[in-house]
Amino acid sequence: MSLMKMAHAVDPRKELMDSIGIIDDIKIYNNWILCAVYKRPEKLASGIYISDTTRKEDDYQGKVGLVLKKGPMAFVDDEKYGFGGQDVEIGDWITFRVSDGWSLNVNGVLCRMLQDINIRMAIPTPDTVF
């Protein structure tokens, strides 16, 4: 078991999707991707609690997000970038460098806007990296 594996009372993907609500009327342009920032729950799978101050850091330093929407040009090869078939889908967990994203709240949920080239990895669960 990973040291930072968290104890989730609710599936974090479902929790974020439910929290953001319906965003069908939001259009993402060009190669931008909207993702919800993953915030760790209060307890590790081992039963150890983490402080609210530590958890609050996810607002500023969170580097894992859930893909919510993407623009029509995301992961489309052009004269500058070739993606080699790599892509992400709505509902995928991704990692990014915090400074590469534009922080904003959508329907009260902390999100980041990222360009496709700034996504570093797709991961199976949000606890895969810390």
C-alpha atoms as a PDB file:
ATOM      1  CA  MET A   1       0.000   0.000   0.000  1.00  0.00           C
ATOM      2  CA  SER A   2       1.252   3.479  -0.865  1.00  0.00           C
ATOM      3  CA  LEU A   3       2.183   5.675   2.084  1.00  0.00           C
ATOM      4  CA  MET A   4      -0.100   8.455   0.783  1.00  0.00           C
ATOM      5  CA  LYS A   5      -3.077   6.244  -0.123  1.00  0.00           C
ATOM      6  CA  MET A   6      -6.135   8.074   1.150  1.00  0.00           C
ATOM      7  CA  ALA A   7      -9.303   6.779   2.779  1.00  0.00           C
ATOM      8  CA  HIS A   8     -12.156   7.888   0.522  1.00  0.00           C
ATOM      9  CA  ALA A   9     -15.686   7.785   1.949  1.00  0.00           C
ATOM     10  CA  VAL A  10     -16.950   8.545  -1.576  1.00  0.00           C
ATOM     11  CA  ASP A  11     -15.307   7.846  -4.926  1.00  0.00           C
ATOM     12  CA  PRO A  12     -13.332  11.064  -5.617  1.00  0.00           C
ATOM     13  CA  ARG A  13     -14.247  11.039  -9.334  1.00  0.00           C
ATOM     14  CA  LYS A  14     -17.964  10.865  -8.509  1.00  0.00           C
ATOM     15  CA  GLU A  15     -17.598  13.463  -5.769  1.00  0.00           C
ATOM     16  CA  LEU A  16     -15.952  15.991  -8.120  1.00  0.00           C
ATOM     17  CA  MET A  17     -18.370  15.299 -10.989  1.00  0.00           C
ATOM     18  CA  ASP A  18     -21.351  15.704  -8.631  1.00  0.00           C
ATOM     19  CA  SER A  19     -19.876  18.877  -7.106  1.00  0.00           C
ATOM     20  CA  ILE A  20     -19.242  20.593 -10.444  1.00  0.00           C
ATOM     21  CA  GLY A  21     -22.767  19.829 -11.634  1.00  0.00           C
ATOM     22  CA  ILE A  22     -23.892  20.316 -15.197  1.00  0.00           C
ATOM     23  CA  ILE A  23     -21.353  22.228 -17.263  1.00  0.00           C
ATOM     24  CA  ASP A  24     -22.710  21.436 -20.723  1.00  0.00           C
ATOM     25  CA  ASP A  25     -23.060  25.146 -21.472  1.00  0.00           C
ATOM     26  CA  ILE A  26     -19.359  25.831 -20.872  1.00  0.00           C
ATOM     27  CA  LYS A  27     -17.277  25.795 -24.055  1.00  0.00           C
ATOM     28  CA  ILE A  28     -13.553  25.233 -23.918  1.00  0.00           C
ATOM     29  CA  TYR A  29     -11.596  26.668 -26.837  1.00  0.00           C
ATOM     30  CA  ASN A  30      -8.498  25.671 -28.750  1.00  0.00           C
ATOM     31  CA  ASN A  31      -6.191  23.223 -26.970  1.00  0.00           C
ATOM     32  CA  TRP A  32      -7.249  24.100 -23.414  1.00  0.00           C
ATOM     33  CA  ILE A  33      -8.424  21.545 -20.872  1.00  0.00           C
ATOM     34  CA  LEU A  34     -10.562  22.192 -17.791  1.00  0.00           C
ATOM     35  CA  CYS A  35      -9.825  19.957 -14.815  1.00  0.00           C
ATOM     36  CA  ALA A  36     -11.081  19.893 -11.231  1.00  0.00           C
ATOM     37  CA  VAL A  37      -8.296  19.939  -8.651  1.00  0.00           C
ATOM     38  CA  TYR A  38      -8.175  16.855  -6.437  1.00  0.00           C
ATOM     39  CA  LYS A  39      -8.210  17.655  -2.727  1.00  0.00           C
ATOM     40  CA  ARG A  40      -7.184  14.930  -0.355  1.00  0.00           C
ATOM     41  CA  PRO A  41      -9.657  13.716   2.266  1.00  0.00           C
ATOM     42  CA  GLU A  42      -8.842  14.057   5.937  1.00  0.00           C
ATOM     43  CA  LYS A  43      -7.561  10.542   6.523  1.00  0.00           C
ATOM     44  CA  LEU A  44      -4.946   8.220   5.077  1.00  0.00           C
ATOM     45  CA  ALA A  45      -5.922   4.625   4.344  1.00  0.00           C
ATOM     46  CA  SER A  46      -3.707   3.689   7.301  1.00  0.00           C
ATOM     47  CA  GLY A  47      -6.090   5.602   9.593  1.00  0.00           C
ATOM     48  CA  ILE A  48      -3.781   8.561  10.230  1.00  0.00           C
ATOM     49  CA  TYR A  49      -5.458  11.959   9.951  1.00  0.00           C
ATOM     50  CA  ILE A  50      -3.813  14.811   8.093  1.00  0.00           C
ATOM     51  CA  SER A  51      -4.243  18.370   9.277  1.00  0.00           C
ATOM     52  CA  ASP A  52      -6.595  20.858   7.665  1.00  0.00           C
ATOM     53  CA  THR A  53      -3.585  23.103   7.053  1.00  0.00           C
ATOM     54  CA  THR A  54      -1.862  20.319   5.107  1.00  0.00           C
ATOM     55  CA  ARG A  55      -5.036  19.604   3.130  1.00  0.00           C
ATOM     56  CA  LYS A  56      -5.501  23.326   2.387  1.00  0.00           C
ATOM     57  CA  GLU A  57      -2.179  23.216   0.529  1.00  0.00           C
ATOM     58  CA  ASP A  58      -3.956  21.264  -2.222  1.00  0.00           C
ATOM     59  CA  ASP A  59      -5.691  24.539  -3.133  1.00  0.00           C
ATOM     60  CA  TYR A  60      -2.326  26.034  -4.035  1.00  0.00           C
ATOM     61  CA  GLN A  61      -0.042  23.084  -4.702  1.00  0.00           C
ATOM     62  CA  GLY A  62      -2.442  20.386  -5.896  1.00  0.00           C
ATOM     63  CA  LYS A  63      -0.936  18.717  -8.951  1.00  0.00           C
ATOM     64  CA  VAL A  64      -3.635  16.131  -9.681  1.00  0.00           C
ATOM     65  CA  GLY A  65      -6.849  16.925 -11.514  1.00  0.00           C
ATOM     66  CA  LEU A  66      -9.889  15.302 -13.049  1.00  0.00           C
ATOM     67  CA  VAL A  67     -10.473  16.138 -16.723  1.00  0.00           C
ATOM     68  CA  LEU A  68     -13.886  17.821 -17.059  1.00  0.00           C
ATOM     69  CA  LYS A  69     -13.844  19.315 -20.565  1.00  0.00           C
ATOM     70  CA  LYS A  70     -11.395  19.858 -23.374  1.00  0.00           C
ATOM     71  CA  GLY A  71     -11.220  22.103 -26.376  1.00  0.00           C
ATOM     72  CA  PRO A  72     -11.585  20.785 -29.928  1.00  0.00           C
ATOM     73  CA  MET A  73      -7.886  21.220 -30.686  1.00  0.00           C
ATOM     74  CA  ALA A  74      -6.606  19.418 -27.562  1.00  0.00           C
ATOM     75  CA  PHE A  75      -4.092  16.726 -28.500  1.00  0.00           C
ATOM     76  CA  VAL A  76      -4.396  17.459 -32.210  1.00  0.00           C
ATOM     77  CA  ASP A  77      -1.022  17.350 -33.948  1.00  0.00           C
ATOM     78  CA  ASP A  78       0.114  20.585 -35.583  1.00  0.00           C
ATOM     79  CA  GLU A  79       3.323  22.003 -37.055  1.00  0.00           C
ATOM     80  CA  LYS A  80       4.746  22.621 -33.562  1.00  0.00           C
ATOM     81  CA  TYR A  81       3.587  19.598 -31.519  1.00  0.00           C
ATOM     82  CA  GLY A  82       3.039  15.945 -32.283  1.00  0.00           C
ATOM     83  CA  PHE A  83       1.298  13.902 -29.609  1.00  0.00           C
ATOM     84  CA  GLY A  84       1.968  10.443 -30.989  1.00  0.00           C
ATOM     85  CA  GLY A  85      -1.615   9.380 -30.378  1.00  0.00           C
ATOM     86  CA  GLN A  86      -1.586  10.432 -26.718  1.00  0.00           C
ATOM     87  CA  ASP A  87      -4.823  11.932 -25.411  1.00  0.00           C
ATOM     88  CA  VAL A  88      -6.931  12.230 -22.272  1.00  0.00           C
ATOM     89  CA  GLU A  89     -10.652  11.738 -21.898  1.00  0.00           C
ATOM     90  CA  ILE A  90     -13.281  13.323 -19.680  1.00  0.00           C
ATOM     91  CA  GLY A  91     -13.047  11.571 -16.318  1.00  0.00           C
ATOM     92  CA  ASP A  92      -9.306  10.828 -16.543  1.00  0.00           C
ATOM     93  CA  TRP A  93      -6.987  11.689 -13.665  1.00  0.00           C
ATOM     94  CA  ILE A  94      -4.014  13.768 -14.784  1.00  0.00           C
ATOM     95  CA  THR A  95      -0.962  15.431 -13.295  1.00  0.00           C
ATOM     96  CA  PHE A  96       0.449  18.842 -14.097  1.00  0.00           C
ATOM     97  CA  ARG A  97       2.895  21.402 -12.835  1.00  0.00           C
ATOM     98  CA  VAL A  98       0.874  23.862 -10.760  1.00  0.00           C
ATOM     99  CA  SER A  99       2.515  26.900 -12.341  1.00  0.00           C
ATOM    100  CA  ASP A 100       1.351  25.740 -15.788  1.00  0.00           C
ATOM    101  CA  GLY A 101      -2.335  26.062 -14.889  1.00  0.00           C
ATOM    102  CA  TRP A 102      -4.720  28.958 -14.561  1.00  0.00           C
ATOM    103  CA  SER A 103      -6.630  28.588 -11.282  1.00  0.00           C
ATOM    104  CA  LEU A 104     -10.357  29.343 -11.254  1.00  0.00           C
ATOM    105  CA  ASN A 105     -13.554  28.231  -9.542  1.00  0.00           C
ATOM    106  CA  VAL A 106     -16.356  26.715 -11.603  1.00  0.00           C
ATOM    107  CA  ASN A 107     -19.651  26.235  -9.778  1.00  0.00           C
ATOM    108  CA  GLY A 108     -17.721  26.516  -6.513  1.00  0.00           C
ATOM    109  CA  VAL A 109     -15.178  23.820  -7.456  1.00  0.00           C
ATOM    110  CA  LEU A 110     -11.479  24.660  -7.649  1.00  0.00           C
ATOM    111  CA  CYS A 111     -10.287  24.021 -11.193  1.00  0.00           C
ATOM    112  CA  ARG A 112      -7.305  24.616 -13.411  1.00  0.00           C
ATOM    113  CA  MET A 113      -7.191  25.451 -17.091  1.00  0.00           C
ATOM    114  CA  LEU A 114      -4.238  23.799 -18.809  1.00  0.00           C
ATOM    115  CA  GLN A 115      -3.000  23.548 -22.345  1.00  0.00           C
ATOM    116  CA  ASP A 116      -2.660  19.997 -23.638  1.00  0.00           C
ATOM    117  CA  ILE A 117       1.135  20.259 -23.727  1.00  0.00           C
ATOM    118  CA  ASN A 118       1.177  20.911 -19.968  1.00  0.00           C
ATOM    119  CA  ILE A 119      -0.347  17.608 -18.957  1.00  0.00           C
ATOM    120  CA  ARG A 120       2.481  15.473 -17.641  1.00  0.00           C
ATOM    121  CA  MET A 121       0.793  12.107 -16.973  1.00  0.00           C
ATOM    122  CA  ALA A 122      -2.502  10.282 -16.944  1.00  0.00           C
ATOM    123  CA  ILE A 123      -2.779   8.195 -13.757  1.00  0.00           C
ATOM    124  CA  PRO A 124      -5.178   5.479 -12.591  1.00  0.00           C
ATOM    125  CA  THR A 125      -6.122   7.064  -9.255  1.00  0.00           C
ATOM    126  CA  PRO A 126      -5.585  10.487  -7.696  1.00  0.00           C
ATOM    127  CA  ASP A 127      -3.480   8.956  -4.915  1.00  0.00           C
ATOM    128  CA  THR A 128      -0.929   7.546  -7.370  1.00  0.00           C
ATOM    129  CA  VAL A 129       1.232  10.673  -7.007  1.00  0.00           C
ATOM    130  CA  PHE A 130       1.802  13.196  -4.259  1.00  0.00           C
END
